[in-house]
C-alpha atoms as a PDB file:
ATOM      1  CA  MET A   1      -9.596   7.190  -4.859  1.00  0.00           C
ATOM      2  CA  ALA A   2     -10.846   4.329  -7.068  1.00  0.00           C
ATOM      3  CA  ILE A   3      -7.277   3.519  -7.793  1.00  0.00           C
ATOM      4  CA  ASN A   4      -6.656   2.941  -4.032  1.00  0.00           C
ATOM      5  CA  ASN A   5      -9.660   0.909  -3.764  1.00  0.00           C
ATOM      6  CA  ILE A   6      -8.324  -1.309  -6.592  1.00  0.00           C
ATOM      7  CA  ALA A   7      -4.980  -1.659  -5.152  1.00  0.00           C
ATOM      8  CA  MET A   8      -6.347  -2.598  -1.805  1.00  0.00           C
ATOM      9  CA  ASN A   9      -8.466  -5.272  -3.382  1.00  0.00           C
ATOM     10  CA  ALA A  10      -5.696  -6.547  -5.243  1.00  0.00           C
ATOM     11  CA  TYR A  11      -3.433  -6.840  -2.093  1.00  0.00           C
ATOM     12  CA  LYS A  12      -6.114  -8.318  -0.011  1.00  0.00           C
ATOM     13  CA  THR A  13      -6.830 -10.898  -2.725  1.00  0.00           C
ATOM     14  CA  ALA A  14      -3.034 -11.742  -3.086  1.00  0.00           C
ATOM     15  CA  LEU A  15      -2.737 -11.850   0.739  1.00  0.00           C
ATOM     16  CA  GLN A  16      -5.798 -14.151   1.150  1.00  0.00           C
ATOM     17  CA  ASP A  17      -4.742 -16.535  -1.671  1.00  0.00           C
ATOM     18  CA  GLY A  18      -0.997 -16.710  -0.217  1.00  0.00           C
ATOM     19  CA  GLN A  19      -2.495 -17.692   3.127  1.00  0.00           C
ATOM     20  CA  LYS A  20      -4.682 -20.390   1.542  1.00  0.00           C
ATOM     21  CA  LEU A  21      -1.719 -21.707  -0.350  1.00  0.00           C
ATOM     22  CA  ALA A  22       0.200 -21.887   2.888  1.00  0.00           C
ATOM     23  CA  GLY A  23      -2.625 -24.124   4.403  1.00  0.00           C
ATOM     24  CA  GLN A  24      -3.397 -21.626   7.256  1.00  0.00           C
ATOM     25  CA  ALA A  25      -3.326 -17.969   7.942  1.00  0.00           C
ATOM     26  CA  THR A  26      -0.068 -17.338   9.948  1.00  0.00           C
ATOM     27  CA  SER A  27      -0.096 -14.683  12.654  1.00  0.00           C
ATOM     28  CA  LYS A  28       3.111 -15.204  14.411  1.00  0.00           C
ATOM     29  CA  LYS A  29       4.739 -12.022  15.718  1.00  0.00           C
ATOM     30  CA  ALA A  30       8.322 -11.512  14.745  1.00  0.00           C
ATOM     31  CA  HIS A  31       9.272  -9.668  17.917  1.00  0.00           C
ATOM     32  CA  SER A  32      11.740  -6.692  17.504  1.00  0.00           C
ATOM     33  CA  GLY A  33      13.108  -4.594  20.336  1.00  0.00           C
ATOM     34  CA  SER A  34       9.813  -2.736  20.763  1.00  0.00           C
ATOM     35  CA  GLY A  35       7.734  -5.865  20.534  1.00  0.00           C
ATOM     36  CA  GLU A  36       5.450  -4.628  17.607  1.00  0.00           C
ATOM     37  CA  ASN A  37       4.075  -6.975  14.884  1.00  0.00           C
ATOM     38  CA  ASN A  38       6.450  -7.188  11.859  1.00  0.00           C
ATOM     39  CA  SER A  39       4.398  -9.683   9.837  1.00  0.00           C
ATOM     40  CA  PHE A  40       4.200  -9.316   6.069  1.00  0.00           C
ATOM     41  CA  SER A  41       0.589  -8.703   6.129  1.00  0.00           C
ATOM     42  CA  ALA A  42       1.059  -6.054   8.850  1.00  0.00           C
ATOM     43  CA  THR A  43       3.703  -4.297   6.991  1.00  0.00           C
ATOM     44  CA  ILE A  44       1.721  -4.232   3.732  1.00  0.00           C
ATOM     45  CA  LYS A  45      -1.501  -3.045   5.709  1.00  0.00           C
ATOM     46  CA  ASP A  46       0.550  -0.276   7.301  1.00  0.00           C
ATOM     47  CA  SER A  47       2.102   0.642   4.069  1.00  0.00           C
ATOM     48  CA  LEU A  48      -1.175   0.905   2.087  1.00  0.00           C
ATOM     49  CA  ALA A  49      -2.464   3.092   5.032  1.00  0.00           C
ATOM     50  CA  LYS A  50       0.359   5.506   4.559  1.00  0.00           C
ATOM     51  CA  VAL A  51      -0.203   5.696   0.849  1.00  0.00           C
ATOM     52  CA  ASN A  52      -3.898   6.165   1.360  1.00  0.00           C
ATOM     53  CA  ASP A  53      -3.032   8.932   3.745  1.00  0.00           C
ATOM     54  CA  LEU A  54      -0.861  10.622   1.290  1.00  0.00           C
ATOM     55  CA  GLN A  55      -3.553  10.500  -1.292  1.00  0.00           C
ATOM     56  CA  GLN A  56      -6.099  12.050   1.000  1.00  0.00           C
ATOM     57  CA  GLU A  57      -3.581  14.923   1.987  1.00  0.00           C
ATOM     58  CA  LYS A  58      -2.919  15.377  -1.861  1.00  0.00           C
ATOM     59  CA  ALA A  59      -6.763  15.694  -2.540  1.00  0.00           C
ATOM     60  CA  GLY A  60      -7.245  17.960   0.418  1.00  0.00           C
ATOM     61  CA  MET A  61      -4.362  20.351  -0.732  1.00  0.00           C
ATOM     62  CA  ILE A  62      -5.817  20.306  -4.323  1.00  0.00           C
ATOM     63  CA  GLU A  63      -9.253  21.265  -3.087  1.00  0.00           C
ATOM     64  CA  SER A  64      -7.938  24.139  -0.682  1.00  0.00           C
ATOM     65  CA  PHE A  65      -5.614  25.431  -3.492  1.00  0.00           C
ATOM     66  CA  ALA A  66      -8.433  25.409  -6.129  1.00  0.00           C
ATOM     67  CA  SER A  67     -10.757  27.162  -3.629  1.00  0.00           C
ATOM     68  CA  GLY A  68      -8.291  29.870  -2.855  1.00  0.00           C
ATOM     69  CA  GLU A  69      -7.731  28.984   0.810  1.00  0.00           C
ATOM     70  CA  LYS A  70      -4.006  28.436   0.377  1.00  0.00           C
ATOM     71  CA  GLN A  71      -1.765  29.894  -2.228  1.00  0.00           C
ATOM     72  CA  ASN A  72       1.306  27.854  -1.407  1.00  0.00           C
ATOM     73  CA  VAL A  73       2.218  26.226  -4.689  1.00  0.00           C
ATOM     74  CA  HIS A  74       5.497  24.644  -3.487  1.00  0.00           C
ATOM     75  CA  GLU A  75       3.803  22.678  -0.821  1.00  0.00           C
ATOM     76  CA  LEU A  76       1.136  21.363  -3.132  1.00  0.00           C
ATOM     77  CA  MET A  77       3.659  20.209  -5.751  1.00  0.00           C
ATOM     78  CA  ILE A  78       5.574  18.436  -2.871  1.00  0.00           C
ATOM     79  CA  SER A  79       2.466  16.732  -1.835  1.00  0.00           C
ATOM     80  CA  LEU A  80       1.630  15.749  -5.257  1.00  0.00           C
ATOM     81  CA  GLN A  81       5.082  14.264  -5.880  1.00  0.00           C
ATOM     82  CA  LYS A  82       5.024  12.349  -2.411  1.00  0.00           C
ATOM     83  CA  ALA A  83       1.639  10.998  -3.357  1.00  0.00           C
ATOM     84  CA  SER A  84       2.973   9.982  -6.864  1.00  0.00           C
ATOM     85  CA  VAL A  85       6.122   8.346  -5.573  1.00  0.00           C
ATOM     86  CA  ALA A  86       4.212   6.473  -3.032  1.00  0.00           C
ATOM     87  CA  MET A  87       1.610   5.148  -5.580  1.00  0.00           C
ATOM     88  CA  SER A  88       4.540   4.219  -7.934  1.00  0.00           C
ATOM     89  CA  MET A  89       6.213   2.168  -5.272  1.00  0.00           C
ATOM     90  CA  THR A  90       2.900   0.511  -4.218  1.00  0.00           C
ATOM     91  CA  SER A  91       2.326  -0.602  -8.024  1.00  0.00           C
ATOM     92  CA  ALA A  92       6.015  -1.774  -8.089  1.00  0.00           C
ATOM     93  CA  VAL A  93       5.552  -3.871  -4.924  1.00  0.00           C
ATOM     94  CA  ARG A  94       2.104  -5.178  -6.150  1.00  0.00           C
ATOM     95  CA  GLY A  95       3.834  -6.353  -9.506  1.00  0.00           C
ATOM     96  CA  LYS A  96       6.570  -8.187  -7.510  1.00  0.00           C
ATOM     97  CA  VAL A  97       3.975  -9.782  -5.002  1.00  0.00           C
ATOM     98  CA  MET A  98       1.689 -10.840  -8.082  1.00  0.00           C
ATOM     99  CA  GLU A  99       4.801 -12.213  -9.990  1.00  0.00           C
ATOM    100  CA  ALA A 100       5.910 -14.137  -6.748  1.00  0.00           C
ATOM    101  CA  TYR A 101       2.404 -15.549  -6.459  1.00  0.00           C
ATOM    102  CA  LYS A 102       2.259 -16.791 -10.100  1.00  0.00           C
ATOM    103  CA  GLU A 103       5.675 -18.417  -9.600  1.00  0.00           C
ATOM    104  CA  ILE A 104       4.294 -20.192  -6.483  1.00  0.00           C
ATOM    105  CA  MET A 105       1.134 -21.130  -8.248  1.00  0.00           C
ATOM    106  CA  HIS A 106       3.187 -22.966 -10.972  1.00  0.00           C
ATOM    107  CA  MET A 107       5.372 -25.014  -8.609  1.00  0.00           C
ATOM    108  CA  GLN A 108       5.016 -28.718  -8.506  1.00  0.00           C
ATOM    109  CA  PHE A 109       4.785 -30.301  -5.063  1.00  0.00           C
END
């Protein structure tokens, strides 16, 4: 769970620095057919929430398996893999965001 907090803090810091760099926090909504908020920060927040949910589900399944409540190893392994892939993708996206942030910081205006 500490990894989730570190990832969340890194994303928040990167987003805040990006907003400062732009001069203001933009909250424009890109309207799609359903009219929901499709901004970059909203997408990141939603994705992090889903990753966090998968991590919590994984922890719950591990606890229930260890206590003997559930004996289904297949569901446990599927949950572990989903959480692992989600965390790997989150780390990859974080790396790309940080790389883009560094490039922007080195630009001369």
